[in-house]
Amino acid sequence: MTGTIHLVKLCVGAEQVEDLIAWQESRRALREDGCPVHVTRMWPKREAELLAGGSLYWVFKGAILARQRVRALEERIGDDGIRRCAIVLDPELALTTSALRRPFQGWRYLTPADAPRDLPKQRKGDDSLPPELSAALADIGLR
């Protein structure tokens, strides 16, 4: 396959985008070059497509709100001897239009056609719709 694919992942432990930013700015989440890293158990089978311009889209409280470009995938062996995938992310985080997602474990692939648009850099967030309206729009494929 050719082209680009994205990942979508729940941002566990974060209530809002600012929580993710604070975590990634901590020394524990950074490589020496200042890039944040997210470690996961599974290695993406579509690695080439992901590294061809893909991003990791973050879900907060049931909605995609931000993304970061994936720079690299690195092998990490834990203290338990298990191989894991370290997803190296661009330090710049882009806010996106809100896109509802049901809970899931791990990560999922996201096609570019289904990915929410980036917000203009000067916007600090998406305008919120009432949850019922947002869910109805998502059910008919408009959000």
C-alpha atoms as a PDB file:
ATOM      1  CA  MET A   1       0.000   0.000   0.000  1.00  0.00           C
ATOM      2  CA  THR A   2       1.071   3.585  -0.560  1.00  0.00           C
ATOM      3  CA  GLY A   3      -0.104   6.907   0.792  1.00  0.00           C
ATOM      4  CA  THR A   4      -0.524   8.127   4.316  1.00  0.00           C
ATOM      5  CA  ILE A   5      -2.367   6.721   7.312  1.00  0.00           C
ATOM      6  CA  HIS A   6      -2.874   8.215  10.766  1.00  0.00           C
ATOM      7  CA  LEU A   7      -3.339   6.770  14.241  1.00  0.00           C
ATOM      8  CA  VAL A   8      -6.050   7.746  16.706  1.00  0.00           C
ATOM      9  CA  LYS A   9      -5.519   7.114  20.418  1.00  0.00           C
ATOM     10  CA  LEU A  10      -7.287   7.902  23.679  1.00  0.00           C
ATOM     11  CA  CYS A  11      -5.308  10.358  25.782  1.00  0.00           C
ATOM     12  CA  VAL A  12      -5.640   8.391  29.007  1.00  0.00           C
ATOM     13  CA  GLY A  13      -5.204  10.432  32.178  1.00  0.00           C
ATOM     14  CA  ALA A  14      -5.717  13.782  30.459  1.00  0.00           C
ATOM     15  CA  GLU A  15      -8.905  15.792  30.775  1.00  0.00           C
ATOM     16  CA  GLN A  16      -7.885  18.411  28.220  1.00  0.00           C
ATOM     17  CA  VAL A  17      -5.199  19.233  25.656  1.00  0.00           C
ATOM     18  CA  GLU A  18      -3.273  21.324  28.198  1.00  0.00           C
ATOM     19  CA  ASP A  19      -2.809  18.190  30.351  1.00  0.00           C
ATOM     20  CA  LEU A  20      -1.115  16.414  27.423  1.00  0.00           C
ATOM     21  CA  ILE A  21       1.097  19.428  26.780  1.00  0.00           C
ATOM     22  CA  ALA A  22       2.178  19.520  30.439  1.00  0.00           C
ATOM     23  CA  TRP A  23       2.968  15.781  30.422  1.00  0.00           C
ATOM     24  CA  GLN A  24       4.956  16.005  27.206  1.00  0.00           C
ATOM     25  CA  GLU A  25       6.968  18.928  28.545  1.00  0.00           C
ATOM     26  CA  SER A  26       8.049  16.833  31.529  1.00  0.00           C
ATOM     27  CA  ARG A  27      11.481  15.253  31.184  1.00  0.00           C
ATOM     28  CA  ARG A  28       9.983  11.757  31.457  1.00  0.00           C
ATOM     29  CA  ALA A  29       8.150  12.122  28.152  1.00  0.00           C
ATOM     30  CA  LEU A  30      10.964  13.655  26.081  1.00  0.00           C
ATOM     31  CA  ARG A  31      13.915  12.332  24.130  1.00  0.00           C
ATOM     32  CA  GLU A  32      17.230  14.154  24.245  1.00  0.00           C
ATOM     33  CA  ASP A  33      16.273  16.050  21.059  1.00  0.00           C
ATOM     34  CA  GLY A  34      13.133  17.438  22.748  1.00  0.00           C
ATOM     35  CA  CYS A  35      10.659  15.257  20.854  1.00  0.00           C
ATOM     36  CA  PRO A  36       7.898  13.696  22.948  1.00  0.00           C
ATOM     37  CA  VAL A  37       7.544   9.912  22.884  1.00  0.00           C
ATOM     38  CA  HIS A  38       4.508   7.731  23.469  1.00  0.00           C
ATOM     39  CA  VAL A  39       5.233   4.044  24.149  1.00  0.00           C
ATOM     40  CA  THR A  40       2.676   1.413  23.181  1.00  0.00           C
ATOM     41  CA  ARG A  41       2.670  -2.384  23.190  1.00  0.00           C
ATOM     42  CA  MET A  42       1.791  -2.938  19.537  1.00  0.00           C
ATOM     43  CA  TRP A  43       3.879  -2.033  16.488  1.00  0.00           C
ATOM     44  CA  PRO A  44       1.860  -0.511  13.595  1.00  0.00           C
ATOM     45  CA  LYS A  45       1.704  -2.972  10.681  1.00  0.00           C
ATOM     46  CA  ARG A  46       1.244   0.000   8.335  1.00  0.00           C
ATOM     47  CA  GLU A  47       4.521   1.593   9.430  1.00  0.00           C
ATOM     48  CA  ALA A  48       5.541   2.881   5.984  1.00  0.00           C
ATOM     49  CA  GLU A  49       2.212   4.683   5.492  1.00  0.00           C
ATOM     50  CA  LEU A  50       2.353   6.142   8.995  1.00  0.00           C
ATOM     51  CA  LEU A  51       5.885   7.459   8.458  1.00  0.00           C
ATOM     52  CA  ALA A  52       4.846   8.982   5.098  1.00  0.00           C
ATOM     53  CA  GLY A  53       3.328  12.039   6.778  1.00  0.00           C
ATOM     54  CA  GLY A  54       0.987  10.435   9.310  1.00  0.00           C
ATOM     55  CA  SER A  55      -0.067  11.922  12.624  1.00  0.00           C
ATOM     56  CA  LEU A  56      -1.281  10.679  15.984  1.00  0.00           C
ATOM     57  CA  TYR A  57      -4.749  12.113  16.689  1.00  0.00           C
ATOM     58  CA  TRP A  58      -5.523  12.423  20.412  1.00  0.00           C
ATOM     59  CA  VAL A  59      -8.985  11.723  21.884  1.00  0.00           C
ATOM     60  CA  PHE A  60      -9.986  13.647  25.029  1.00  0.00           C
ATOM     61  CA  LYS A  61     -13.271  12.803  26.791  1.00  0.00           C
ATOM     62  CA  GLY A  62     -14.727  11.177  23.664  1.00  0.00           C
ATOM     63  CA  ALA A  63     -13.574  13.666  21.023  1.00  0.00           C
ATOM     64  CA  ILE A  64     -10.476  14.113  18.868  1.00  0.00           C
ATOM     65  CA  LEU A  65      -9.149  17.571  19.726  1.00  0.00           C
ATOM     66  CA  ALA A  66      -5.468  17.559  18.718  1.00  0.00           C
ATOM     67  CA  ARG A  67      -2.821  15.846  16.619  1.00  0.00           C
ATOM     68  CA  GLN A  68       0.929  15.512  16.383  1.00  0.00           C
ATOM     69  CA  ARG A  69       2.971  14.444  13.372  1.00  0.00           C
ATOM     70  CA  VAL A  70       4.702  11.063  13.771  1.00  0.00           C
ATOM     71  CA  ARG A  71       8.450  11.440  13.218  1.00  0.00           C
ATOM     72  CA  ALA A  72       9.677   7.899  13.849  1.00  0.00           C
ATOM     73  CA  LEU A  73       8.989   4.528  15.435  1.00  0.00           C
ATOM     74  CA  GLU A  74      11.655   3.122  17.744  1.00  0.00           C
ATOM     75  CA  GLU A  75      11.983  -0.225  19.437  1.00  0.00           C
ATOM     76  CA  ARG A  76      11.972  -0.214  23.233  1.00  0.00           C
ATOM     77  CA  ILE A  77      12.561  -3.318  25.322  1.00  0.00           C
ATOM     78  CA  GLY A  78      10.988  -3.031  28.761  1.00  0.00           C
ATOM     79  CA  ASP A  79      12.409  -4.299  32.045  1.00  0.00           C
ATOM     80  CA  ASP A  80      10.150  -7.310  31.488  1.00  0.00           C
ATOM     81  CA  GLY A  81      11.919  -8.125  28.196  1.00  0.00           C
ATOM     82  CA  ILE A  82       8.853  -7.298  26.066  1.00  0.00           C
ATOM     83  CA  ARG A  83       9.347  -5.368  22.807  1.00  0.00           C
ATOM     84  CA  ARG A  84       7.340  -2.165  22.588  1.00  0.00           C
ATOM     85  CA  CYS A  85       6.921   0.635  20.044  1.00  0.00           C
ATOM     86  CA  ALA A  86       7.995   4.163  20.967  1.00  0.00           C
ATOM     87  CA  ILE A  87       6.114   6.613  18.758  1.00  0.00           C
ATOM     88  CA  VAL A  88       8.318   9.684  18.367  1.00  0.00           C
ATOM     89  CA  LEU A  89       6.154  12.761  17.899  1.00  0.00           C
ATOM     90  CA  ASP A  90       6.752  16.262  16.626  1.00  0.00           C
ATOM     91  CA  PRO A  91       6.874  18.680  19.572  1.00  0.00           C
ATOM     92  CA  GLU A  92       4.327  20.943  17.847  1.00  0.00           C
ATOM     93  CA  LEU A  93       0.758  20.001  18.712  1.00  0.00           C
ATOM     94  CA  ALA A  94      -2.020  21.123  16.340  1.00  0.00           C
ATOM     95  CA  LEU A  95      -5.561  21.641  17.601  1.00  0.00           C
ATOM     96  CA  THR A  96      -8.249  20.076  15.401  1.00  0.00           C
ATOM     97  CA  THR A  97     -11.961  20.439  14.909  1.00  0.00           C
ATOM     98  CA  SER A  98     -13.810  18.227  17.368  1.00  0.00           C
ATOM     99  CA  ALA A  99     -14.617  14.710  16.107  1.00  0.00           C
ATOM    100  CA  LEU A 100     -16.485  12.299  18.385  1.00  0.00           C
ATOM    101  CA  ARG A 101     -15.045   8.825  19.055  1.00  0.00           C
ATOM    102  CA  ARG A 102     -16.404   5.978  21.144  1.00  0.00           C
ATOM    103  CA  PRO A 103     -14.050   4.439  23.737  1.00  0.00           C
ATOM    104  CA  PHE A 104     -11.589   1.812  22.494  1.00  0.00           C
ATOM    105  CA  GLN A 105      -8.370   0.214  23.651  1.00  0.00           C
ATOM    106  CA  GLY A 106      -4.970   0.780  22.099  1.00  0.00           C
ATOM    107  CA  TRP A 107      -4.983   2.782  18.890  1.00  0.00           C
ATOM    108  CA  ARG A 108      -6.841   2.642  15.594  1.00  0.00           C
ATOM    109  CA  TYR A 109      -5.947   3.632  12.049  1.00  0.00           C
ATOM    110  CA  LEU A 110      -7.524   6.801  10.663  1.00  0.00           C
ATOM    111  CA  THR A 111      -7.638   7.593   6.955  1.00  0.00           C
ATOM    112  CA  PRO A 112      -6.769  11.116   5.825  1.00  0.00           C
ATOM    113  CA  ALA A 113     -10.336  11.478   4.485  1.00  0.00           C
ATOM    114  CA  ASP A 114     -11.761  10.764   7.959  1.00  0.00           C
ATOM    115  CA  ALA A 115      -9.289  12.933   9.877  1.00  0.00           C
ATOM    116  CA  PRO A 116     -10.609  16.165  11.391  1.00  0.00           C
ATOM    117  CA  ARG A 117      -9.217  19.417  10.009  1.00  0.00           C
ATOM    118  CA  ASP A 118      -6.637  21.474  11.879  1.00  0.00           C
ATOM    119  CA  LEU A 119      -7.892  24.664  13.463  1.00  0.00           C
ATOM    120  CA  PRO A 120      -6.184  27.907  12.464  1.00  0.00           C
ATOM    121  CA  LYS A 121      -3.181  28.473  14.766  1.00  0.00           C
ATOM    122  CA  GLN A 122      -4.739  31.554  16.352  1.00  0.00           C
ATOM    123  CA  ARG A 123      -7.823  29.596  17.537  1.00  0.00           C
ATOM    124  CA  LYS A 124      -7.488  28.116  21.013  1.00  0.00           C
ATOM    125  CA  GLY A 125     -10.217  25.489  20.516  1.00  0.00           C
ATOM    126  CA  ASP A 126     -13.285  24.420  18.595  1.00  0.00           C
ATOM    127  CA  ASP A 127     -16.671  25.941  19.239  1.00  0.00           C
ATOM    128  CA  SER A 128     -18.635  23.442  21.300  1.00  0.00           C
ATOM    129  CA  LEU A 129     -21.998  22.124  20.221  1.00  0.00           C
ATOM    130  CA  PRO A 130     -24.442  20.608  22.686  1.00  0.00           C
ATOM    131  CA  PRO A 131     -23.489  16.917  23.168  1.00  0.00           C
ATOM    132  CA  GLU A 132     -26.819  15.670  21.756  1.00  0.00           C
ATOM    133  CA  LEU A 133     -26.412  17.694  18.560  1.00  0.00           C
ATOM    134  CA  SER A 134     -22.769  16.702  18.183  1.00  0.00           C
ATOM    135  CA  ALA A 135     -23.702  13.002  18.589  1.00  0.00           C
ATOM    136  CA  ALA A 136     -26.547  13.306  16.077  1.00  0.00           C
ATOM    137  CA  LEU A 137     -24.232  14.924  13.522  1.00  0.00           C
ATOM    138  CA  ALA A 138     -21.633  12.191  14.072  1.00  0.00           C
ATOM    139  CA  ASP A 139     -24.309   9.487  13.616  1.00  0.00           C
ATOM    140  CA  ILE A 140     -25.172  10.813  10.153  1.00  0.00           C
ATOM    141  CA  GLY A 141     -21.519  11.351   9.208  1.00  0.00           C
ATOM    142  CA  LEU A 142     -21.428  15.141   9.315  1.00  0.00           C
ATOM    143  CA  ARG A 143     -19.041  15.562  12.206  1.00  0.00           C
END
